[in-house]
Structures are given as structure tokens and as C-alpha cells.
Amino acid sequence: MYPNERLNMAQKNVTLSLDENIYDNYKEFCKKNAIALSRSIEVFMEEKTKKGEK
């Protein structure tokens, strides 16, 4: 996917239940590394579905 393709995609808001400590640690990790938290989760989901992993 090219960067401009992402701009045309519809966005979906979701609610997740996550371990609070894991979420807080990951949120801080993303902040320190200038990573968009939601995009990093999106990339994880894309990679899992492309690989067909469980």
C-alpha cells in the first residue's frame, strides 16, 4: 500500500479491553519513538492477516 492510498480509506473507531499496564507501557513506548499508537496496531493487524497467523 502506498502512503496516499491510506488517506482514501475509511476509518473505524473501536473499543478494546486491554491490560492497563500493558496499554500504558505501549502508549509511552509509542510516544518516545514518535509512533502513532493506532497505526502501529493497524500494521500489526495487517501483518497477521497477510501471514494467516492465528
N, C-alpha and C. Protein backbone atom coordinates (compact mmCIF):
# COMPACT_ATOMS: atom_id res chain seq x y z
N MET A 1 0.84 -1.18 0.00
CA MET A 1 0.00 0.00 0.00
C MET A 1 0.88 1.24 0.00
N TYR A 2 0.54 2.18 -0.82
CA TYR A 2 1.27 3.43 -0.89
C TYR A 2 0.72 4.39 0.15
N PRO A 3 1.54 5.30 0.69
CA PRO A 3 1.08 6.22 1.74
C PRO A 3 -0.19 6.98 1.38
N ASN A 4 -0.33 7.41 0.12
CA ASN A 4 -1.52 8.17 -0.28
C ASN A 4 -2.77 7.32 -0.31
N GLU A 5 -2.63 6.02 -0.50
CA GLU A 5 -3.80 5.13 -0.52
C GLU A 5 -4.50 5.14 0.83
N ARG A 6 -3.74 5.24 1.89
CA ARG A 6 -4.29 5.20 3.24
C ARG A 6 -5.23 6.38 3.48
N LEU A 7 -4.99 7.50 2.83
CA LEU A 7 -5.81 8.69 3.02
C LEU A 7 -7.24 8.48 2.53
N ASN A 8 -7.42 7.60 1.58
CA ASN A 8 -8.74 7.36 1.00
C ASN A 8 -9.52 6.26 1.72
N MET A 9 -8.92 5.64 2.71
CA MET A 9 -9.58 4.53 3.40
C MET A 9 -10.45 5.06 4.52
N ALA A 10 -11.60 4.44 4.73
CA ALA A 10 -12.49 4.82 5.82
C ALA A 10 -11.87 4.39 7.14
N GLN A 11 -12.07 5.18 8.15
CA GLN A 11 -11.57 4.87 9.48
C GLN A 11 -12.70 4.32 10.34
N LYS A 12 -12.36 3.41 11.23
CA LYS A 12 -13.34 2.78 12.11
C LYS A 12 -12.87 2.97 13.55
N ASN A 13 -13.71 3.52 14.40
CA ASN A 13 -13.41 3.62 15.82
C ASN A 13 -13.81 2.33 16.50
N VAL A 14 -12.94 1.82 17.37
CA VAL A 14 -13.21 0.58 18.08
C VAL A 14 -12.93 0.76 19.57
N THR A 15 -13.55 -0.08 20.37
CA THR A 15 -13.30 -0.10 21.80
C THR A 15 -12.67 -1.44 22.14
N LEU A 16 -11.56 -1.40 22.85
CA LEU A 16 -10.84 -2.61 23.22
C LEU A 16 -10.69 -2.69 24.73
N SER A 17 -10.63 -3.89 25.24
CA SER A 17 -10.31 -4.10 26.66
C SER A 17 -8.89 -4.65 26.70
N LEU A 18 -7.99 -3.88 27.32
CA LEU A 18 -6.59 -4.25 27.39
C LEU A 18 -6.10 -4.15 28.82
N ASP A 19 -5.07 -4.92 29.12
CA ASP A 19 -4.43 -4.79 30.43
C ASP A 19 -3.91 -3.36 30.55
N GLU A 20 -4.25 -2.70 31.64
CA GLU A 20 -3.92 -1.29 31.81
C GLU A 20 -2.41 -1.04 31.78
N ASN A 21 -1.63 -1.88 32.43
CA ASN A 21 -0.18 -1.69 32.46
C ASN A 21 0.43 -1.89 31.08
N ILE A 22 -0.02 -2.90 30.36
CA ILE A 22 0.49 -3.14 29.01
C ILE A 22 0.15 -1.96 28.11
N TYR A 23 -1.08 -1.49 28.19
CA TYR A 23 -1.50 -0.34 27.38
C TYR A 23 -0.67 0.89 27.70
N ASP A 24 -0.52 1.19 28.99
CA ASP A 24 0.25 2.37 29.39
C ASP A 24 1.70 2.29 28.94
N ASN A 25 2.30 1.11 29.08
CA ASN A 25 3.69 0.93 28.65
C ASN A 25 3.82 1.09 27.14
N TYR A 26 2.88 0.52 26.39
CA TYR A 26 2.94 0.61 24.94
C TYR A 26 2.68 2.04 24.48
N LYS A 27 1.75 2.70 25.12
CA LYS A 27 1.46 4.10 24.79
C LYS A 27 2.70 4.97 25.00
N GLU A 28 3.40 4.76 26.10
CA GLU A 28 4.63 5.51 26.39
C GLU A 28 5.73 5.16 25.38
N PHE A 29 5.84 3.88 25.04
CA PHE A 29 6.79 3.43 24.02
C PHE A 29 6.53 4.16 22.70
N CYS A 30 5.28 4.21 22.29
CA CYS A 30 4.93 4.88 21.04
C CYS A 30 5.26 6.37 21.11
N LYS A 31 4.97 6.98 22.23
CA LYS A 31 5.24 8.40 22.40
C LYS A 31 6.75 8.68 22.30
N LYS A 32 7.55 7.89 22.98
CA LYS A 32 9.01 8.08 22.97
C LYS A 32 9.62 7.85 21.59
N ASN A 33 8.98 6.99 20.79
CA ASN A 33 9.52 6.63 19.48
C ASN A 33 8.77 7.28 18.33
N ALA A 34 7.94 8.27 18.64
CA ALA A 34 7.18 9.01 17.63
C ALA A 34 6.40 8.07 16.71
N ILE A 35 5.70 7.13 17.33
CA ILE A 35 4.90 6.16 16.60
C ILE A 35 3.43 6.43 16.92
N ALA A 36 2.59 6.44 15.89
CA ALA A 36 1.15 6.58 16.12
C ALA A 36 0.63 5.24 16.65
N LEU A 37 0.13 5.25 17.86
CA LEU A 37 -0.34 4.02 18.51
C LEU A 37 -1.36 3.30 17.65
N SER A 38 -2.36 3.98 17.17
CA SER A 38 -3.40 3.32 16.38
C SER A 38 -2.83 2.74 15.08
N ARG A 39 -1.92 3.46 14.46
CA ARG A 39 -1.32 2.96 13.21
C ARG A 39 -0.47 1.72 13.48
N SER A 40 0.23 1.69 14.61
CA SER A 40 1.06 0.53 14.92
C SER A 40 0.19 -0.71 15.13
N ILE A 41 -0.97 -0.54 15.71
CA ILE A 41 -1.90 -1.67 15.89
C ILE A 41 -2.47 -2.08 14.53
N GLU A 42 -2.74 -1.11 13.70
CA GLU A 42 -3.23 -1.38 12.35
C GLU A 42 -2.21 -2.20 11.55
N VAL A 43 -0.94 -1.82 11.63
CA VAL A 43 0.12 -2.54 10.93
C VAL A 43 0.22 -3.97 11.47
N PHE A 44 0.14 -4.14 12.78
CA PHE A 44 0.16 -5.47 13.39
C PHE A 44 -0.97 -6.32 12.82
N MET A 45 -2.16 -5.76 12.73
CA MET A 45 -3.31 -6.49 12.22
C MET A 45 -3.12 -6.86 10.75
N GLU A 46 -2.59 -5.92 9.96
CA GLU A 46 -2.33 -6.18 8.54
C GLU A 46 -1.35 -7.34 8.38
N GLU A 47 -0.26 -7.29 9.15
CA GLU A 47 0.76 -8.34 9.04
C GLU A 47 0.21 -9.70 9.45
N LYS A 48 -0.57 -9.75 10.51
CA LYS A 48 -1.15 -11.02 10.97
C LYS A 48 -2.09 -11.60 9.91
N THR A 49 -2.92 -10.75 9.32
CA THR A 49 -3.89 -11.27 8.35
C THR A 49 -3.22 -11.66 7.03
N LYS A 50 -2.17 -10.95 6.65
CA LYS A 50 -1.44 -11.33 5.41
C LYS A 50 -0.74 -12.66 5.56
N LYS A 51 -0.20 -12.90 6.75
CA LYS A 51 0.52 -14.14 7.01
C LYS A 51 -0.42 -15.31 7.34
N GLY A 52 -1.66 -14.99 7.63
CA GLY A 52 -2.62 -16.02 8.00
C GLY A 52 -2.35 -16.62 9.37
N GLU A 53 -1.68 -15.85 10.23
CA GLU A 53 -1.35 -16.32 11.58
C GLU A 53 -2.58 -16.33 12.47
N LYS A 54 -2.49 -17.19 13.47
CA LYS A 54 -3.56 -17.25 14.47
C LYS A 54 -3.12 -16.57 15.73
